[in-house]
């Protein structure tokens, strides 16, 4: 997923929350901060992944917002294949017996592989959501709170799903960092509970 497609992100200036929400809202808040304090180096993180979101803050706020929209792919050259389906060709390396089995299936190897992937996605989606939510919370903590007392213990508590221990180890953190980490940890715990 492209970071600009994320429904929610959060910006911090050190241990201080600048804004949280839609990327456009967060970008405008960060732009205001940078206009007043150009030497600051705020950090914007995608809430779903914990990955940093890079934004070009040059110019006025409307110019910054205009650059957030991805360029249309209309000018991209069309190649062979089935462009309307969004099929992407990649190399797959399998043993000869796997190729034999795939080629003997109705529709051939490509159709069978797509069906297998969709079936696996359906059966592992709750586990995947739990893992991704945990990774996002852990990434946020490592980047923003990695230098704080109790970080390692809080990270271990996060992965164990131990709410009490997590809250105990984050108690002394700056308020904005503590509250955001606890919010992300709660999302991860809920996803872990759903995954069973």
Protein backbone atom coordinates (compact mmCIF):
# COMPACT_ATOMS: atom_id res chain seq x y z
CA UNK A 1 0.00 0.00 0.00
CA UNK A 2 1.25 3.44 -0.87
CA UNK A 3 1.68 5.50 2.33
CA UNK A 4 -0.55 8.24 0.98
CA UNK A 5 -3.42 5.75 0.67
CA UNK A 6 -3.38 5.09 4.41
CA UNK A 7 -6.55 6.20 6.19
CA UNK A 8 -4.70 7.45 9.24
CA UNK A 9 -1.30 8.67 10.30
CA UNK A 10 0.25 10.44 13.28
CA UNK A 11 2.92 13.12 13.51
CA UNK A 12 5.28 13.69 16.43
CA UNK A 13 7.81 16.41 17.14
CA UNK A 14 10.10 14.55 19.49
CA UNK A 15 7.75 13.19 22.16
CA UNK A 16 5.00 15.73 21.42
CA UNK A 17 1.98 14.83 19.31
CA UNK A 18 1.40 17.29 16.48
CA UNK A 19 -1.67 15.71 14.87
CA UNK A 20 -3.32 12.38 14.17
CA UNK A 21 -5.85 11.48 11.49
CA UNK A 22 -6.11 11.72 7.71
CA UNK A 23 -2.83 12.40 5.93
CA UNK A 24 -4.02 15.77 4.57
CA UNK A 25 -4.98 16.99 8.06
CA UNK A 26 -1.68 15.82 9.54
CA UNK A 27 0.31 17.34 6.66
CA UNK A 28 -1.29 20.77 7.16
CA UNK A 29 -0.58 20.65 10.92
CA UNK A 30 3.06 19.70 10.31
CA UNK A 31 3.37 22.40 7.65
CA UNK A 32 2.15 25.00 10.17
CA UNK A 33 4.75 23.80 12.69
CA UNK A 34 7.53 23.93 10.10
CA UNK A 35 6.52 27.41 8.94
CA UNK A 36 6.95 28.64 12.53
CA UNK A 37 9.97 26.46 13.40
CA UNK A 38 11.86 25.49 10.22
CA UNK A 39 14.65 23.72 12.13
CA UNK A 40 12.26 21.12 13.61
CA UNK A 41 12.30 17.57 12.25
CA UNK A 42 8.84 16.12 12.84
CA UNK A 43 8.13 12.48 12.17
CA UNK A 44 4.97 11.25 10.43
CA UNK A 45 4.08 7.57 10.80
CA UNK A 46 1.42 5.54 9.03
CA UNK A 47 -0.82 4.19 11.81
CA UNK A 48 -1.54 0.95 9.92
CA UNK A 49 2.10 0.02 9.33
CA UNK A 50 4.21 2.19 11.63
CA UNK A 51 6.29 3.14 8.58
CA UNK A 52 7.45 6.74 8.11
CA UNK A 53 5.52 8.84 5.62
CA UNK A 54 7.66 11.17 3.53
CA UNK A 55 6.14 14.50 2.51
CA UNK A 56 7.68 17.35 0.55
CA UNK A 57 6.91 20.45 2.65
CA UNK A 58 8.32 23.03 0.23
CA UNK A 59 5.98 25.85 -0.74
CA UNK A 60 2.57 26.83 0.56
CA UNK A 61 0.17 24.43 2.28
CA UNK A 62 -1.96 24.05 -0.86
CA UNK A 63 1.16 23.06 -2.84
CA UNK A 64 2.05 20.49 -0.18
CA UNK A 65 -1.47 19.04 -0.36
CA UNK A 66 -1.39 18.96 -4.16
CA UNK A 67 1.76 16.82 -4.03
CA UNK A 68 0.07 14.29 -1.71
CA UNK A 69 -2.19 13.08 -4.52
CA UNK A 70 -0.46 10.36 -6.51
CA UNK A 71 0.03 11.17 -10.18
CA UNK A 72 -2.49 9.46 -12.46
CA UNK A 73 -1.18 6.41 -14.29
CA UNK A 74 -2.89 7.40 -17.54
CA UNK A 75 0.45 8.11 -19.21
CA UNK A 76 1.89 4.72 -18.25
CA UNK A 77 2.46 2.51 -21.30
CA UNK A 78 0.27 -0.54 -21.57
CA UNK A 79 1.95 -3.87 -22.06
CA UNK A 80 0.72 -7.29 -23.00
CA UNK A 81 -1.57 -9.21 -20.71
CA UNK A 82 -4.78 -8.35 -18.96
CA UNK A 83 -4.41 -4.73 -17.81
CA UNK A 84 -7.99 -4.39 -16.56
CA UNK A 85 -7.43 -7.11 -13.99
CA UNK A 86 -4.23 -5.51 -12.76
CA UNK A 87 -2.27 -8.71 -13.32
CA UNK A 88 1.42 -8.38 -12.48
CA UNK A 89 3.94 -10.82 -13.93
CA UNK A 90 6.57 -12.10 -11.49
CA UNK A 91 8.91 -15.04 -11.47
CA UNK A 92 7.89 -18.05 -9.40
CA UNK A 93 10.38 -20.83 -8.75
CA UNK A 94 8.93 -24.27 -8.00
CA UNK A 95 10.05 -27.87 -8.12
CA UNK A 96 9.12 -29.88 -11.24
CA UNK A 97 6.45 -31.86 -9.35
CA UNK A 98 4.79 -28.55 -8.31
CA UNK A 99 4.73 -27.33 -11.92
CA UNK A 100 3.31 -30.68 -13.04
CA UNK A 101 0.50 -30.49 -10.50
CA UNK A 102 -0.25 -26.80 -11.25
CA UNK A 103 -0.37 -27.40 -15.01
CA UNK A 104 -2.74 -30.35 -14.56
CA UNK A 105 -5.31 -28.18 -12.75
CA UNK A 106 -8.30 -26.67 -14.59
CA UNK A 107 -7.26 -23.24 -15.87
CA UNK A 108 -3.55 -23.98 -15.60
CA UNK A 109 -0.85 -22.71 -13.27
CA UNK A 110 -1.81 -19.01 -13.09
CA UNK A 111 -5.48 -19.60 -12.29
CA UNK A 112 -4.61 -22.26 -9.70
CA UNK A 113 -2.01 -20.06 -8.03
CA UNK A 114 -4.48 -17.15 -7.81
CA UNK A 115 -7.11 -19.44 -6.25
CA UNK A 116 -4.58 -20.80 -3.74
CA UNK A 117 -3.49 -17.30 -2.75
CA UNK A 118 -7.08 -16.08 -2.33
CA UNK A 119 -7.95 -19.13 -0.22
CA UNK A 120 -4.88 -18.58 1.97
CA UNK A 121 -5.76 -14.89 2.35
CA UNK A 122 -9.29 -15.75 3.50
CA UNK A 123 -8.05 -18.26 6.08
CA UNK A 124 -5.19 -16.19 7.46
CA UNK A 125 -6.62 -12.66 7.29
CA UNK A 126 -7.30 -12.36 11.04
CA UNK A 127 -3.80 -13.62 11.88
CA UNK A 128 -2.29 -11.26 9.31
CA UNK A 129 -4.21 -8.29 10.76
CA UNK A 130 -3.00 -9.19 14.25
CA UNK A 131 0.61 -9.48 13.11
CA UNK A 132 0.47 -6.22 11.13
CA UNK A 133 -1.15 -4.34 14.04
CA UNK A 134 1.51 -5.63 16.43
CA UNK A 135 4.28 -4.67 14.00
CA UNK A 136 2.83 -1.17 13.60
CA UNK A 137 2.68 -0.63 17.37
CA UNK A 138 6.16 -2.04 17.87
CA UNK A 139 7.62 0.08 15.05
CA UNK A 140 6.08 3.24 16.52
CA UNK A 141 7.50 2.44 19.95
CA UNK A 142 10.95 1.62 18.57
CA UNK A 143 11.13 4.90 16.61
CA UNK A 144 9.51 7.30 19.09
CA UNK A 145 10.00 5.60 22.46
CA UNK A 146 13.06 3.43 21.89
CA UNK A 147 15.15 5.64 24.16
CA UNK A 148 12.61 5.70 26.98
CA UNK A 149 12.85 3.65 30.18
CA UNK A 150 10.79 0.48 29.97
CA UNK A 151 10.75 0.32 26.17
CA UNK A 152 12.09 -3.24 25.87
CA UNK A 153 9.78 -4.53 28.59
CA UNK A 154 6.81 -2.76 26.98
CA UNK A 155 7.67 -4.30 23.62
CA UNK A 156 7.75 -7.79 25.12
CA UNK A 157 4.44 -7.13 26.91
CA UNK A 158 2.93 -5.94 23.61
CA UNK A 159 3.77 -9.21 21.87
CA UNK A 160 2.52 -11.26 24.83
CA UNK A 161 -0.74 -9.32 24.81
CA UNK A 162 -0.19 -8.44 28.48
CA UNK A 163 -2.10 -5.18 28.94
CA UNK A 164 -1.24 -4.69 32.61
CA UNK A 165 2.50 -5.12 32.05
CA UNK A 166 2.37 -2.89 28.96
CA UNK A 167 0.63 -0.12 30.92
CA UNK A 168 3.04 -0.51 33.83
CA UNK A 169 6.13 -0.17 31.59
CA UNK A 170 4.71 2.81 29.67
CA UNK A 171 3.44 4.68 32.75
CA UNK A 172 6.49 7.00 32.94
CA UNK A 173 6.53 7.87 29.24
CA UNK A 174 5.59 11.36 28.02
CA UNK A 175 1.79 11.63 27.86
CA UNK A 176 1.44 11.88 24.06
CA UNK A 177 3.77 8.94 23.41
CA UNK A 178 2.17 6.83 26.15
CA UNK A 179 -1.39 7.44 24.93
CA UNK A 180 -0.58 6.76 21.28
CA UNK A 181 1.40 3.60 22.13
CA UNK A 182 -1.49 2.36 24.28
CA UNK A 183 -3.99 3.07 21.50
CA UNK A 184 -1.90 1.10 18.98
CA UNK A 185 -1.35 -1.70 21.52
CA UNK A 186 -5.12 -1.95 22.11
CA UNK A 187 -5.69 -2.30 18.36
CA UNK A 188 -3.06 -5.06 18.28
CA UNK A 189 -4.62 -6.85 21.28
CA UNK A 190 -8.08 -6.68 19.70
CA UNK A 191 -6.71 -8.12 16.47
CA UNK A 192 -4.90 -10.88 18.39
CA UNK A 193 -8.12 -11.75 20.22
CA UNK A 194 -10.02 -11.90 16.93
CA UNK A 195 -7.36 -14.18 15.44
CA UNK A 196 -7.79 -16.47 18.45
